[in-house]
C-alpha cells in the first residue's frame, strides 16, 4: 500500500508541476500580447 501511495504522490507532483509550468507559459504569452498591442 505504501508503494502505491508514494508513486501516486509522485504522479500528483508531476501533474501539479506540469500544470504550473503551463500556467506560467500562458502568463508569459499574455504578457507578450499586451506588449505587442
PDB file of N, CA and C in Angstrom:
ATOM      1  N   UNK A   1       0.836  -1.211   0.000  1.00  0.00           N
ATOM      2  CA  UNK A   1       0.000   0.000   0.000  1.00  0.00           C
ATOM      3  C   UNK A   1       0.867   1.256   0.000  1.00  0.00           C
ATOM      4  N   UNK A   2       1.936   1.220   0.778  1.00  0.00           N
ATOM      5  CA  UNK A   2       2.813   2.400   0.858  1.00  0.00           C
ATOM      6  C   UNK A   2       3.415   2.725  -0.509  1.00  0.00           C
ATOM      7  N   UNK A   3       3.868   1.684  -1.213  1.00  0.00           N
ATOM      8  CA  UNK A   3       4.487   1.909  -2.521  1.00  0.00           C
ATOM      9  C   UNK A   3       3.478   2.568  -3.470  1.00  0.00           C
ATOM     10  N   UNK A   4       2.274   2.055  -3.484  1.00  0.00           N
ATOM     11  CA  UNK A   4       1.233   2.597  -4.374  1.00  0.00           C
ATOM     12  C   UNK A   4       0.986   4.052  -4.015  1.00  0.00           C
ATOM     13  N   UNK A   5       0.909   4.339  -2.719  1.00  0.00           N
ATOM     14  CA  UNK A   5       0.641   5.717  -2.285  1.00  0.00           C
ATOM     15  C   UNK A   5       1.784   6.639  -2.691  1.00  0.00           C
ATOM     16  N   UNK A   6       3.009   6.191  -2.501  1.00  0.00           N
ATOM     17  CA  UNK A   6       4.161   7.049  -2.821  1.00  0.00           C
ATOM     18  C   UNK A   6       4.214   7.342  -4.323  1.00  0.00           C
ATOM     19  N   UNK A   7       3.983   6.334  -5.140  1.00  0.00           N
ATOM     20  CA  UNK A   7       4.011   6.548  -6.593  1.00  0.00           C
ATOM     21  C   UNK A   7       2.872   7.470  -6.991  1.00  0.00           C
ATOM     22  N   UNK A   8       1.720   7.316  -6.333  1.00  0.00           N
ATOM     23  CA  UNK A   8       0.569   8.173  -6.641  1.00  0.00           C
ATOM     24  C   UNK A   8       0.918   9.614  -6.296  1.00  0.00           C
ATOM     25  N   UNK A   9       1.622   9.789  -5.196  1.00  0.00           N
ATOM     26  CA  UNK A   9       2.021  11.140  -4.790  1.00  0.00           C
ATOM     27  C   UNK A   9       2.983  11.722  -5.816  1.00  0.00           C
ATOM     28  N   UNK A  10       3.909  10.917  -6.297  1.00  0.00           N
ATOM     29  CA  UNK A  10       4.872  11.384  -7.301  1.00  0.00           C
ATOM     30  C   UNK A  10       4.132  11.822  -8.561  1.00  0.00           C
ATOM     31  N   UNK A  11       3.149  11.020  -8.970  1.00  0.00           N
ATOM     32  CA  UNK A  11       2.366  11.364 -10.176  1.00  0.00           C
ATOM     33  C   UNK A  11       1.644  12.682  -9.953  1.00  0.00           C
ATOM     34  N   UNK A  12       1.103  12.861  -8.747  1.00  0.00           N
ATOM     35  CA  UNK A  12       0.399  14.112  -8.441  1.00  0.00           C
ATOM     36  C   UNK A  12       1.368  15.280  -8.507  1.00  0.00           C
ATOM     37  N   UNK A  13       2.574  15.090  -7.977  1.00  0.00           N
ATOM     38  CA  UNK A  13       3.588  16.153  -8.006  1.00  0.00           C
ATOM     39  C   UNK A  13       3.904  16.512  -9.457  1.00  0.00           C
ATOM     40  N   UNK A  14       4.106  15.493 -10.295  1.00  0.00           N
ATOM     41  CA  UNK A  14       4.433  15.740 -11.703  1.00  0.00           C
ATOM     42  C   UNK A  14       3.311  16.526 -12.365  1.00  0.00           C
ATOM     43  N   UNK A  15       2.060  16.085 -12.110  1.00  0.00           N
ATOM     44  CA  UNK A  15       0.914  16.770 -12.725  1.00  0.00           C
ATOM     45  C   UNK A  15       0.853  18.207 -12.248  1.00  0.00           C
ATOM     46  N   UNK A  16       1.067  18.415 -10.966  1.00  0.00           N
ATOM     47  CA  UNK A  16       0.987  19.780 -10.419  1.00  0.00           C
ATOM     48  C   UNK A  16       2.050  20.662 -11.050  1.00  0.00           C
ATOM     49  N   UNK A  17       3.289  20.141 -11.129  1.00  0.00           N
ATOM     50  CA  UNK A  17       4.373  20.939 -11.719  1.00  0.00           C
ATOM     51  C   UNK A  17       4.087  21.209 -13.194  1.00  0.00           C
ATOM     52  N   UNK A  18       3.540  20.196 -13.887  1.00  0.00           N
ATOM     53  CA  UNK A  18       3.230  20.349 -15.314  1.00  0.00           C
ATOM     54  C   UNK A  18       2.182  21.441 -15.497  1.00  0.00           C
ATOM     55  N   UNK A  19       1.129  21.406 -14.666  1.00  0.00           N
ATOM     56  CA  UNK A  19       0.072  22.425 -14.763  1.00  0.00           C
ATOM     57  C   UNK A  19       0.642  23.794 -14.409  1.00  0.00           C
ATOM     58  N   UNK A  20       1.525  23.845 -13.415  1.00  0.00           N
ATOM     59  CA  UNK A  20       2.120  25.120 -13.007  1.00  0.00           C
ATOM     60  C   UNK A  20       2.962  25.684 -14.145  1.00  0.00           C
ATOM     61  N   UNK A  21       3.747  24.818 -14.791  1.00  0.00           N
ATOM     62  CA  UNK A  21       4.572  25.265 -15.925  1.00  0.00           C
ATOM     63  C   UNK A  21       3.681  25.804 -17.036  1.00  0.00           C
ATOM     64  N   UNK A  22       2.571  25.105 -17.306  1.00  0.00           N
ATOM     65  CA  UNK A  22       1.650  25.540 -18.362  1.00  0.00           C
ATOM     66  C   UNK A  22       1.092  26.919 -18.036  1.00  0.00           C
ATOM     67  N   UNK A  23       0.709  27.114 -16.772  1.00  0.00           N
ATOM     68  CA  UNK A  23       0.131  28.407 -16.385  1.00  0.00           C
ATOM     69  C   UNK A  23       1.182  29.508 -16.506  1.00  0.00           C
ATOM     70  N   UNK A  24       2.423  29.194 -16.157  1.00  0.00           N
ATOM     71  CA  UNK A  24       3.496  30.193 -16.261  1.00  0.00           C
ATOM     72  C   UNK A  24       3.711  30.577 -17.722  1.00  0.00           C
ATOM     73  N   UNK A  25       3.706  29.590 -18.601  1.00  0.00           N
ATOM     74  CA  UNK A  25       3.913  29.845 -20.037  1.00  0.00           C
ATOM     75  C   UNK A  25       2.772  30.691 -20.583  1.00  0.00           C
ATOM     76  N   UNK A  26       1.538  30.344 -20.184  1.00  0.00           N
ATOM     77  CA  UNK A  26       0.377  31.098 -20.683  1.00  0.00           C
ATOM     78  C   UNK A  26       0.438  32.529 -20.169  1.00  0.00           C
ATOM     79  N   UNK A  27       0.906  32.712 -18.944  1.00  0.00           N
ATOM     80  CA  UNK A  27       1.026  34.062 -18.381  1.00  0.00           C
ATOM     81  C   UNK A  27       2.040  34.860 -19.190  1.00  0.00           C
ATOM     82  N   UNK A  28       3.144  34.228 -19.536  1.00  0.00           N
ATOM     83  CA  UNK A  28       4.183  34.917 -20.330  1.00  0.00           C
ATOM     84  C   UNK A  28       3.610  35.311 -21.693  1.00  0.00           C
ATOM     85  N   UNK A  29       2.832  34.422 -22.290  1.00  0.00           N
ATOM     86  CA  UNK A  29       2.238  34.701 -23.603  1.00  0.00           C
ATOM     87  C   UNK A  29       1.276  35.874 -23.485  1.00  0.00           C
ATOM     88  N   UNK A  30       0.500  35.901 -22.427  1.00  0.00           N
ATOM     89  CA  UNK A  30      -0.446  37.013 -22.231  1.00  0.00           C
ATOM     90  C   UNK A  30       0.331  38.315 -22.108  1.00  0.00           C
ATOM     91  N   UNK A  31       1.447  38.273 -21.384  1.00  0.00           N
ATOM     92  CA  UNK A  31       2.266  39.471 -21.205  1.00  0.00           C
ATOM     93  C   UNK A  31       2.818  39.943 -22.537  1.00  0.00           C
ATOM     94  N   UNK A  32       3.275  39.021 -23.369  1.00  0.00           N
ATOM     95  CA  UNK A  32       3.801  39.381 -24.690  1.00  0.00           C
ATOM     96  C   UNK A  32       2.705  40.013 -25.539  1.00  0.00           C
ATOM     97  N   UNK A  33       1.486  39.486 -25.416  1.00  0.00           N
ATOM     98  CA  UNK A  33       0.364  40.015 -26.191  1.00  0.00           C
ATOM     99  C   UNK A  33       0.116  41.465 -25.787  1.00  0.00           C
ATOM    100  N   UNK A  34       0.160  41.727 -24.488  1.00  0.00           N
ATOM    101  CA  UNK A  34      -0.068  43.090 -24.008  1.00  0.00           C
ATOM    102  C   UNK A  34       1.000  44.034 -24.565  1.00  0.00           C
ATOM    103  N   UNK A  35       2.237  43.553 -24.593  1.00  0.00           N
ATOM    104  CA  UNK A  35       3.335  44.379 -25.093  1.00  0.00           C
ATOM    105  C   UNK A  35       3.153  44.650 -26.588  1.00  0.00           C
ATOM    106  N   UNK A  36       2.785  43.605 -27.342  1.00  0.00           N
ATOM    107  CA  UNK A  36       2.602  43.755 -28.794  1.00  0.00           C
ATOM    108  C   UNK A  36       1.485  44.750 -29.102  1.00  0.00           C
ATOM    109  N   UNK A  37       0.386  44.660 -28.362  1.00  0.00           N
ATOM    110  CA  UNK A  37      -0.767  45.522 -28.618  1.00  0.00           C
ATOM    111  C   UNK A  37      -0.611  46.834 -27.856  1.00  0.00           C
TER     112      UNK A  37
END
